[in-house]
Amino acid sequence: MYQKTILDNGLRLITHAMPGMESAAIGVWVRVGGRYESLHTKGAAHFLEHLVFKGSRKYSCQEIKESIEGVGGALNGFTSEESTCYFAKLPAVKQLQALGILTDMVITPLLKSSDIRKERFVILEEIKMYRDLPQSYVNDILDELLWPDHPLGLSILGSRENILKLKREDIAEFQKQYYLPSNMVIAACGKIKHKEILKRLRGMLGQARLAGENAFIPAAKHSPGPKIKILKKPTAQTHMALGFYGINRDHPDKHIYSLLHIILGANMSSRLFSQVREKRGLAYEIRTQIKGLSDTGVFLVHAGVDNAKLYQAVEIIIKELAKIKSKAVLSSELRRGKEFYIGQLRLALEDTLDHMFWIGEPTLHLNKTYDFPEILKEIRAISPEDLRRVAKGVFKSETARLAIIGPSKEESKLHACIGKL
């Protein structure tokens, strides 16, 4: 059972007691990410995430790390398009200590000029590392194709030029604008007590303050495609990301959409894994991925293939996408897909950290949590016709975007192939 309290300062606390566990997972969620940045501040959300770990009003950088890791816990954070999260998983007996540390470092980071100078170069190395990984960098190229002239089309890490230009004042102003209790959620799962966490939080986060002006820019309507961009590199393998505009995170068809992803490319039993890797040996990695945001989404097919076999791989992928639009999924395959989906949810919800993510993100963005029994009913009710309907809405040549890193010279041929969808 989930318990939720909204504090006087607007902070939302959501918890789930799991009495049989010996661990606790705590996350501090902030509703800000890459799409909230201007061209001038691009990279600020991720830069700030790094700096938050460098020390706060009450705790030094070393104290933050040692207090969590010194008891066997794990501490980390991430920045996405629409949220930033700082989290820890540790023995439950140390949960209130972790709560105090996480809260203080997020609300009152020191943002020292000396730390900014050092971390600037750490992030520049992160950018270099990412760009040296074509299987990752190809996703940035796809984002540019999907959302040109929009913050969603730019890397969350920021560009080298922007990272070098960002000043302490820029980052401090960004923190002041978004890192406010009314723009935050604290989620906790495991061997915890809601009342104890609530008592600790009250008075810890200051007086009520409204969130600053929201820089959220709606995703623009896409221009007709298909569109292809090739970054020519003398790689030993060609990496491709084929993306289609998807649905938002709370769309009524979200579970059908997820099941479509499972059947096509979420595991070794999937259609694309079977057709591209097992039957033809065209790729080592072949998978699908889905992402839902507030007002848009993407359905992605990713593969790394032999340079001479790119067109053959794309042709097979397009045939499989066309097939799932035109032919009903067999009842046995549908049943396996549903059981995989339900089983993955069950396994995730047994873990205190995964369960924290499960309740934290929807509370932040939708101000609600999902009901597992209701989700089971919705998944089990999905029909073959539901899958065909959603597939027809997603897999269209005019919404297709193909990003490639490698030596390919087949752009016109690939364009014609995608146009067959």
Protein backbone atom coordinates (compact mmCIF):
# COMPACT_ATOMS: atom_id res chain seq x y z
CA MET A 1 0.00 0.00 0.00
CA TYR A 2 1.31 3.41 -0.94
CA GLN A 3 1.14 6.36 1.43
CA LYS A 4 1.34 9.92 0.19
CA THR A 5 1.63 13.23 2.01
CA ILE A 6 1.96 16.72 0.60
CA LEU A 7 3.90 18.97 2.95
CA ASP A 8 3.10 22.66 3.49
CA ASN A 9 6.01 23.65 1.25
CA GLY A 10 4.59 21.62 -1.65
CA LEU A 11 6.96 18.66 -1.37
CA ARG A 12 5.30 15.33 -2.13
CA LEU A 13 6.31 12.28 -0.12
CA ILE A 14 5.34 8.85 -1.44
CA THR A 15 6.30 5.64 0.38
CA HIS A 16 5.78 1.90 0.22
CA ALA A 17 6.49 -0.23 3.28
CA MET A 18 7.98 -3.66 2.45
CA PRO A 19 8.30 -5.26 5.92
CA GLY A 20 10.08 -8.41 4.78
CA MET A 21 13.04 -6.47 3.41
CA GLU A 22 16.25 -5.45 5.17
CA SER A 23 17.01 -2.59 2.77
CA ALA A 24 15.54 0.80 2.03
CA ALA A 25 15.70 2.80 -1.16
CA ILE A 26 15.22 6.56 -1.14
CA GLY A 27 15.01 8.86 -4.13
CA VAL A 28 14.83 12.63 -4.39
CA TRP A 29 13.18 13.51 -7.71
CA VAL A 30 13.27 16.95 -9.31
CA ARG A 31 11.05 17.82 -12.24
CA VAL A 32 13.73 19.21 -14.51
CA GLY A 33 15.91 17.75 -17.23
CA GLY A 34 17.38 18.37 -20.63
CA ARG A 35 14.25 19.69 -22.29
CA TYR A 36 13.95 22.52 -19.74
CA GLU A 37 17.21 24.11 -20.86
CA SER A 38 17.76 26.98 -23.26
CA LEU A 39 20.47 26.93 -25.93
CA HIS A 40 22.56 29.00 -23.53
CA THR A 41 22.13 26.64 -20.58
CA LYS A 42 22.19 23.33 -22.49
CA GLY A 43 23.94 20.80 -20.27
CA ALA A 44 23.18 22.67 -17.03
CA ALA A 45 20.83 20.02 -15.59
CA HIS A 46 23.43 17.26 -15.97
CA PHE A 47 26.28 19.54 -14.82
CA LEU A 48 24.29 20.40 -11.70
CA GLU A 49 23.63 16.72 -11.02
CA HIS A 50 27.40 16.16 -10.89
CA LEU A 51 27.97 19.14 -8.60
CA VAL A 52 25.30 18.15 -6.09
CA PHE A 53 27.51 15.24 -5.02
CA LYS A 54 30.45 17.58 -4.34
CA GLY A 55 29.22 18.82 -0.99
CA SER A 56 26.37 20.59 0.75
CA ARG A 57 25.79 22.92 3.66
CA LYS A 58 26.07 20.09 6.22
CA TYR A 59 28.08 17.40 4.44
CA SER A 60 31.37 17.37 2.55
CA CYS A 61 31.79 15.35 -0.64
CA GLN A 62 33.69 12.68 1.29
CA GLU A 63 31.06 12.51 4.03
CA ILE A 64 28.28 12.08 1.47
CA LYS A 65 30.02 9.12 -0.16
CA GLU A 66 31.34 7.46 2.99
CA SER A 67 28.06 7.75 4.90
CA ILE A 68 26.24 5.68 2.26
CA GLU A 69 28.96 3.43 0.90
CA GLY A 70 30.52 2.95 4.35
CA VAL A 71 27.49 0.88 5.40
CA GLY A 72 27.38 -1.17 2.19
CA GLY A 73 24.94 1.11 0.38
CA ALA A 74 24.95 2.51 -3.15
CA LEU A 75 24.54 6.16 -4.11
CA ASN A 76 23.92 7.57 -7.56
CA GLY A 77 21.95 9.97 -9.71
CA PHE A 78 20.77 10.48 -13.28
CA THR A 79 19.49 13.22 -15.53
CA SER A 80 16.91 12.50 -18.22
CA GLU A 81 14.88 14.67 -20.57
CA GLU A 82 12.30 15.61 -17.93
CA SER A 83 13.63 14.62 -14.53
CA THR A 84 16.69 14.40 -12.32
CA CYS A 85 16.91 11.81 -9.57
CA TYR A 86 19.32 11.32 -6.67
CA PHE A 87 18.98 7.99 -4.93
CA ALA A 88 20.46 5.59 -2.42
CA LYS A 89 19.85 1.98 -1.48
CA LEU A 90 21.25 0.85 1.84
CA PRO A 91 20.51 -1.16 5.00
CA ALA A 92 17.19 0.04 6.38
CA VAL A 93 18.63 0.93 9.77
CA LYS A 94 20.52 3.81 8.08
CA GLN A 95 17.58 5.16 6.07
CA LEU A 96 17.03 8.39 8.02
CA GLN A 97 20.71 9.25 7.79
CA ALA A 98 20.55 8.75 4.02
CA LEU A 99 17.37 10.83 3.81
CA GLY A 100 19.08 13.71 5.59
CA ILE A 101 22.13 13.54 3.33
CA LEU A 102 20.18 13.30 0.07
CA THR A 103 17.87 16.13 1.05
CA ASP A 104 20.63 18.46 2.17
CA MET A 105 22.82 17.90 -0.87
CA VAL A 106 19.91 18.54 -3.26
CA ILE A 107 18.52 21.63 -1.50
CA THR A 108 21.75 23.29 -0.36
CA PRO A 109 24.62 22.26 -2.65
CA LEU A 110 27.75 24.38 -2.23
CA LEU A 111 28.45 24.80 -5.97
CA LYS A 112 32.04 25.83 -5.28
CA SER A 113 33.89 27.50 -8.14
CA SER A 114 36.80 25.10 -7.61
CA ASP A 115 34.48 22.09 -7.95
CA ILE A 116 32.93 23.56 -11.08
CA ARG A 117 36.35 23.98 -12.67
CA LYS A 118 37.30 20.36 -11.95
CA GLU A 119 33.94 18.84 -12.83
CA ARG A 120 33.83 20.75 -16.10
CA PHE A 121 36.72 18.61 -17.34
CA VAL A 122 35.16 15.43 -15.96
CA ILE A 123 32.05 16.12 -18.06
CA LEU A 124 34.15 16.91 -21.12
CA GLU A 125 35.74 13.47 -20.73
CA GLU A 126 32.26 11.96 -20.37
CA ILE A 127 31.25 13.60 -23.65
CA LYS A 128 34.39 12.23 -25.36
CA MET A 129 33.69 8.74 -24.01
CA TYR A 130 30.08 8.84 -25.20
CA ARG A 131 31.05 10.00 -28.68
CA ASP A 132 33.62 7.21 -28.92
CA LEU A 133 30.80 4.70 -28.38
CA PRO A 134 28.85 4.59 -31.67
CA GLN A 135 26.22 2.28 -30.19
CA SER A 136 25.36 5.11 -27.78
CA TYR A 137 26.13 8.21 -29.83
CA VAL A 138 23.85 7.05 -32.65
CA ASN A 139 20.92 7.77 -30.31
CA ASP A 140 21.90 11.45 -30.14
CA ILE A 141 21.86 11.61 -33.94
CA LEU A 142 18.41 10.02 -33.92
CA ASP A 143 17.18 12.61 -31.39
CA GLU A 144 18.35 15.38 -33.74
CA LEU A 145 16.28 13.83 -36.53
CA LEU A 146 13.21 13.37 -34.33
CA TRP A 147 13.23 16.78 -32.68
CA PRO A 148 15.22 19.31 -34.73
CA ASP A 149 15.46 22.85 -33.32
CA HIS A 150 14.14 21.66 -29.97
CA PRO A 151 15.85 20.90 -26.62
CA LEU A 152 14.85 17.23 -26.99
CA GLY A 153 17.03 17.06 -30.09
CA LEU A 154 20.17 18.09 -28.20
CA SER A 155 22.35 15.90 -25.98
CA ILE A 156 21.55 15.91 -22.27
CA LEU A 157 25.30 16.13 -21.64
CA GLY A 158 25.52 19.39 -23.55
CA SER A 159 28.11 20.26 -26.17
CA ARG A 160 31.80 20.81 -25.47
CA GLU A 161 31.32 24.49 -26.30
CA ASN A 162 28.44 24.93 -23.87
CA ILE A 163 30.14 23.09 -21.02
CA LEU A 164 33.16 25.36 -21.38
CA LYS A 165 30.93 28.46 -21.36
CA LEU A 166 28.62 27.62 -18.44
CA LYS A 167 29.40 29.82 -15.43
CA ARG A 168 28.69 29.29 -11.75
CA GLU A 169 25.95 31.94 -11.97
CA ASP A 170 24.20 29.98 -14.74
CA ILE A 171 24.20 26.75 -12.73
CA ALA A 172 23.22 28.45 -9.46
CA GLU A 173 20.32 30.21 -11.16
CA PHE A 174 19.19 26.93 -12.71
CA GLN A 175 19.26 25.26 -9.28
CA LYS A 176 17.38 28.16 -7.71
CA GLN A 177 14.68 28.05 -10.36
CA TYR A 178 13.93 24.32 -10.27
CA TYR A 179 15.29 22.73 -7.08
CA LEU A 180 12.35 23.73 -4.92
CA PRO A 181 10.21 21.54 -2.64
CA SER A 182 7.11 22.26 -4.72
CA ASN A 183 8.92 20.87 -7.78
CA MET A 184 10.15 17.74 -6.02
CA VAL A 185 9.09 14.29 -4.88
CA ILE A 186 10.73 12.09 -2.27
CA ALA A 187 10.02 8.40 -2.74
CA ALA A 188 11.00 5.64 -0.31
CA CYS A 189 10.50 1.87 -0.38
CA GLY A 190 11.57 -1.02 1.78
CA LYS A 191 11.68 -1.54 5.51
CA ILE A 192 10.48 1.99 6.23
CA LYS A 193 7.78 3.85 8.15
CA HIS A 194 5.99 6.71 6.47
CA LYS A 195 5.46 8.61 9.72
CA GLU A 196 9.14 8.50 10.64
CA ILE A 197 10.23 9.82 7.26
CA LEU A 198 7.55 12.49 7.31
CA LYS A 199 8.60 13.62 10.79
CA ARG A 200 12.21 13.90 9.65
CA LEU A 201 11.27 15.90 6.56
CA ARG A 202 9.07 18.45 8.28
CA GLY A 203 11.09 21.54 8.95
CA MET A 204 14.06 20.20 7.00
CA LEU A 205 13.24 21.85 3.68
CA GLY A 206 12.38 25.40 4.70
CA GLN A 207 9.31 27.50 4.05
CA ALA A 208 6.92 27.02 1.18
CA ARG A 209 8.21 28.33 -2.14
CA LEU A 210 6.54 28.08 -5.50
CA ALA A 211 8.46 26.63 -8.43
CA GLY A 212 9.98 29.14 -10.80
CA GLU A 213 8.87 29.78 -14.36
CA ASN A 214 8.63 26.54 -16.30
CA ALA A 215 10.76 26.47 -19.46
CA PHE A 216 8.94 23.43 -20.87
CA ILE A 217 8.66 23.74 -24.65
CA PRO A 218 6.05 21.43 -26.25
CA ALA A 219 7.40 18.97 -28.79
CA ALA A 220 6.92 20.34 -32.30
CA LYS A 221 4.84 18.53 -34.88
CA HIS A 222 7.08 16.47 -37.10
CA SER A 223 7.67 17.08 -40.79
CA PRO A 224 6.93 14.17 -43.12
CA GLY A 225 9.71 11.65 -43.66
CA PRO A 226 11.33 9.25 -43.84
CA LYS A 227 14.57 11.02 -42.91
CA ILE A 228 18.08 9.58 -42.72
CA LYS A 229 21.33 10.95 -41.33
CA ILE A 230 24.66 9.16 -41.72
CA LEU A 231 27.74 10.07 -39.71
CA LYS A 232 30.48 8.60 -41.85
CA LYS A 233 33.17 6.91 -39.79
CA PRO A 234 35.63 4.12 -40.64
CA THR A 235 34.12 1.81 -38.02
CA ALA A 236 34.46 -1.97 -38.16
CA GLN A 237 30.70 -2.23 -37.61
CA THR A 238 27.78 -0.02 -38.61
CA HIS A 239 25.47 1.11 -35.82
CA MET A 240 21.92 2.09 -36.66
CA ALA A 241 18.97 3.49 -34.73
CA LEU A 242 15.62 3.42 -36.47
CA GLY A 243 13.11 5.55 -34.59
CA PHE A 244 9.40 6.34 -34.87
CA TYR A 245 7.39 8.93 -32.98
CA GLY A 246 5.68 7.11 -30.14
CA ILE A 247 3.17 7.87 -27.41
CA ASN A 248 3.41 9.87 -24.19
CA ARG A 249 4.03 8.21 -20.82
CA ASP A 250 0.37 8.14 -19.75
CA HIS A 251 -1.29 7.33 -23.05
CA PRO A 252 -4.23 4.89 -22.79
CA ASP A 253 -2.35 2.52 -25.13
CA LYS A 254 0.86 2.47 -23.09
CA HIS A 255 0.63 -1.23 -22.15
CA ILE A 256 -0.18 -2.26 -25.72
CA TYR A 257 2.82 -0.21 -26.83
CA SER A 258 5.04 -1.95 -24.25
CA LEU A 259 3.81 -5.37 -25.36
CA LEU A 260 4.59 -4.46 -28.97
CA HIS A 261 8.15 -3.67 -27.85
CA ILE A 262 8.41 -7.01 -26.02
CA ILE A 263 7.23 -9.06 -29.00
CA LEU A 264 9.49 -7.25 -31.45
CA GLY A 265 12.76 -6.82 -29.62
CA ALA A 266 12.90 -6.90 -25.81
CA ASN A 267 14.47 -10.34 -25.37
CA MET A 268 16.04 -13.35 -27.09
CA SER A 269 12.59 -14.76 -27.92
CA SER A 270 11.60 -11.63 -29.83
CA ARG A 271 10.93 -11.47 -33.55
CA LEU A 272 13.81 -9.18 -34.49
CA PHE A 273 16.35 -11.13 -32.42
CA SER A 274 15.18 -14.32 -34.09
CA GLN A 275 15.10 -12.98 -37.65
CA VAL A 276 18.14 -10.69 -37.66
CA ARG A 277 20.54 -12.53 -35.34
CA GLU A 278 19.50 -16.15 -34.91
CA LYS A 279 18.35 -16.98 -38.45
CA ARG A 280 20.69 -14.77 -40.49
CA GLY A 281 23.60 -13.85 -38.23
CA LEU A 282 23.46 -10.21 -39.34
CA ALA A 283 23.99 -8.64 -35.92
CA TYR A 284 25.29 -9.31 -32.45
CA GLU A 285 23.07 -6.66 -30.89
CA ILE A 286 19.52 -6.16 -32.06
CA ARG A 287 16.86 -4.77 -29.74
CA THR A 288 13.96 -2.40 -29.41
CA GLN A 289 13.48 0.34 -26.84
CA ILE A 290 10.59 2.62 -25.92
CA LYS A 291 10.53 5.98 -24.20
CA GLY A 292 7.50 8.01 -23.17
CA LEU A 293 7.68 11.70 -22.25
CA SER A 294 4.99 14.20 -21.27
CA ASP A 295 3.80 14.97 -24.78
CA THR A 296 5.69 12.65 -27.11
CA GLY A 297 7.69 9.44 -27.23
CA VAL A 298 9.85 7.23 -29.42
CA PHE A 299 9.90 3.59 -30.49
CA LEU A 300 13.47 2.64 -31.31
CA VAL A 301 15.10 -0.29 -33.11
CA HIS A 302 18.84 -0.49 -32.51
CA ALA A 303 21.35 -2.78 -34.20
CA GLY A 304 25.08 -3.13 -34.80
CA VAL A 305 25.74 -4.91 -38.11
CA ASP A 306 28.51 -5.79 -40.51
CA ASN A 307 29.24 -2.81 -42.76
CA ALA A 308 28.38 -4.79 -45.88
CA LYS A 309 25.08 -6.06 -44.46
CA LEU A 310 23.39 -2.85 -43.29
CA TYR A 311 20.80 -2.76 -46.08
CA GLN A 312 19.95 -6.44 -45.59
CA ALA A 313 19.41 -5.87 -41.86
CA VAL A 314 17.23 -2.78 -42.39
CA GLU A 315 15.21 -4.66 -45.01
CA ILE A 316 14.47 -7.50 -42.56
CA ILE A 317 13.56 -5.02 -39.80
CA ILE A 318 11.14 -3.16 -42.09
CA LYS A 319 9.55 -6.46 -43.16
CA GLU A 320 8.98 -7.44 -39.53
CA LEU A 321 7.45 -4.06 -38.69
CA ALA A 322 5.18 -4.31 -41.74
CA LYS A 323 4.22 -7.86 -40.78
CA ILE A 324 3.09 -6.94 -37.27
CA LYS A 325 0.92 -4.20 -38.82
CA SER A 326 -0.78 -6.54 -41.26
CA LYS A 327 -0.97 -9.95 -39.58
CA ALA A 328 -2.46 -10.80 -36.21
CA VAL A 329 -0.07 -12.06 -33.56
CA LEU A 330 -0.66 -15.73 -32.77
CA SER A 331 -2.29 -16.47 -29.42
CA SER A 332 0.77 -18.43 -28.22
CA GLU A 333 3.15 -15.53 -28.97
CA LEU A 334 0.75 -13.06 -27.40
CA ARG A 335 0.51 -15.19 -24.27
CA ARG A 336 4.31 -15.44 -23.98
CA GLY A 337 4.66 -11.69 -24.41
CA LYS A 338 2.09 -10.97 -21.71
CA GLU A 339 3.69 -13.40 -19.27
CA PHE A 340 7.11 -11.87 -19.88
CA TYR A 341 5.70 -8.37 -19.27
CA ILE A 342 3.90 -9.39 -16.08
CA GLY A 343 6.85 -11.43 -14.85
CA GLN A 344 9.27 -8.56 -15.35
CA LEU A 345 6.98 -6.26 -13.39
CA ARG A 346 6.67 -8.75 -10.55
CA LEU A 347 10.44 -9.19 -10.31
CA ALA A 348 11.07 -5.44 -10.41
CA LEU A 349 8.56 -4.71 -7.67
CA GLU A 350 10.32 -7.15 -5.34
CA ASP A 351 13.40 -4.90 -5.38
CA THR A 352 13.29 -1.85 -3.12
CA LEU A 353 15.17 0.38 -5.58
CA ASP A 354 13.13 -0.62 -8.64
CA HIS A 355 9.94 -0.15 -6.64
CA MET A 356 11.12 3.33 -5.64
CA PHE A 357 11.51 4.20 -9.34
CA TRP A 358 8.06 2.68 -10.00
CA ILE A 359 6.32 5.07 -7.58
CA GLY A 360 8.64 8.10 -7.79
CA GLU A 361 8.49 8.94 -11.47
CA PRO A 362 4.69 8.86 -11.97
CA THR A 363 4.19 10.83 -8.76
CA LEU A 364 6.58 13.49 -10.09
CA HIS A 365 5.05 13.79 -13.55
CA LEU A 366 1.46 12.62 -13.17
CA ASN A 367 0.83 13.09 -9.45
CA LYS A 368 -0.34 9.50 -9.18
CA THR A 369 0.93 5.94 -8.71
CA TYR A 370 0.07 2.89 -10.76
CA ASP A 371 -2.14 0.11 -9.40
CA PHE A 372 -0.51 -3.25 -10.09
CA PRO A 373 -3.71 -5.38 -10.07
CA GLU A 374 -5.32 -2.93 -12.49
CA ILE A 375 -2.28 -3.09 -14.77
CA LEU A 376 -2.49 -6.89 -14.79
CA LYS A 377 -6.11 -6.66 -15.98
CA GLU A 378 -5.17 -4.20 -18.72
CA ILE A 379 -2.27 -6.36 -19.95
CA ARG A 380 -4.33 -9.54 -19.96
CA ALA A 381 -7.10 -7.81 -21.89
CA ILE A 382 -4.84 -6.86 -24.82
CA SER A 383 -5.96 -8.50 -28.07
CA PRO A 384 -4.13 -9.18 -31.35
CA GLU A 385 -6.22 -6.42 -32.92
CA ASP A 386 -5.03 -3.97 -30.26
CA LEU A 387 -1.44 -4.70 -31.25
CA ARG A 388 -2.19 -4.24 -34.95
CA ARG A 389 -3.98 -0.95 -34.31
CA VAL A 390 -1.12 0.52 -32.29
CA ALA A 391 1.50 -0.85 -34.71
CA LYS A 392 -0.30 0.84 -37.61
CA GLY A 393 -0.26 4.13 -35.72
CA VAL A 394 3.45 3.95 -34.89
CA PHE A 395 5.22 2.25 -37.78
CA LYS A 396 4.70 4.65 -40.66
CA SER A 397 7.27 5.66 -43.26
CA GLU A 398 6.41 9.34 -42.86
CA THR A 399 7.37 9.25 -39.17
CA ALA A 400 10.48 7.09 -39.60
CA ARG A 401 13.93 8.45 -38.77
CA LEU A 402 17.13 6.45 -39.34
CA ALA A 403 20.46 7.41 -37.77
CA ILE A 404 23.63 5.62 -38.84
CA ILE A 405 27.27 5.69 -37.77
CA GLY A 406 29.61 3.90 -40.15
CA PRO A 407 30.96 3.98 -43.72
CA SER A 408 27.58 3.45 -45.45
CA LYS A 409 26.95 4.98 -48.89
CA GLU A 410 23.45 3.52 -49.30
CA GLU A 411 21.29 6.46 -48.24
CA SER A 412 18.99 6.51 -51.28
CA LYS A 413 18.57 2.73 -51.20
CA LEU A 414 17.76 2.79 -47.47
CA HIS A 415 15.33 5.68 -47.99
CA ALA A 416 13.42 3.64 -50.55
CA CYS A 417 13.38 0.60 -48.24
CA ILE A 418 11.89 2.53 -45.31
CA GLY A 419 9.37 4.09 -47.68
CA LYS A 420 7.80 0.65 -48.14
CA LEU A 421 6.32 0.70 -44.63
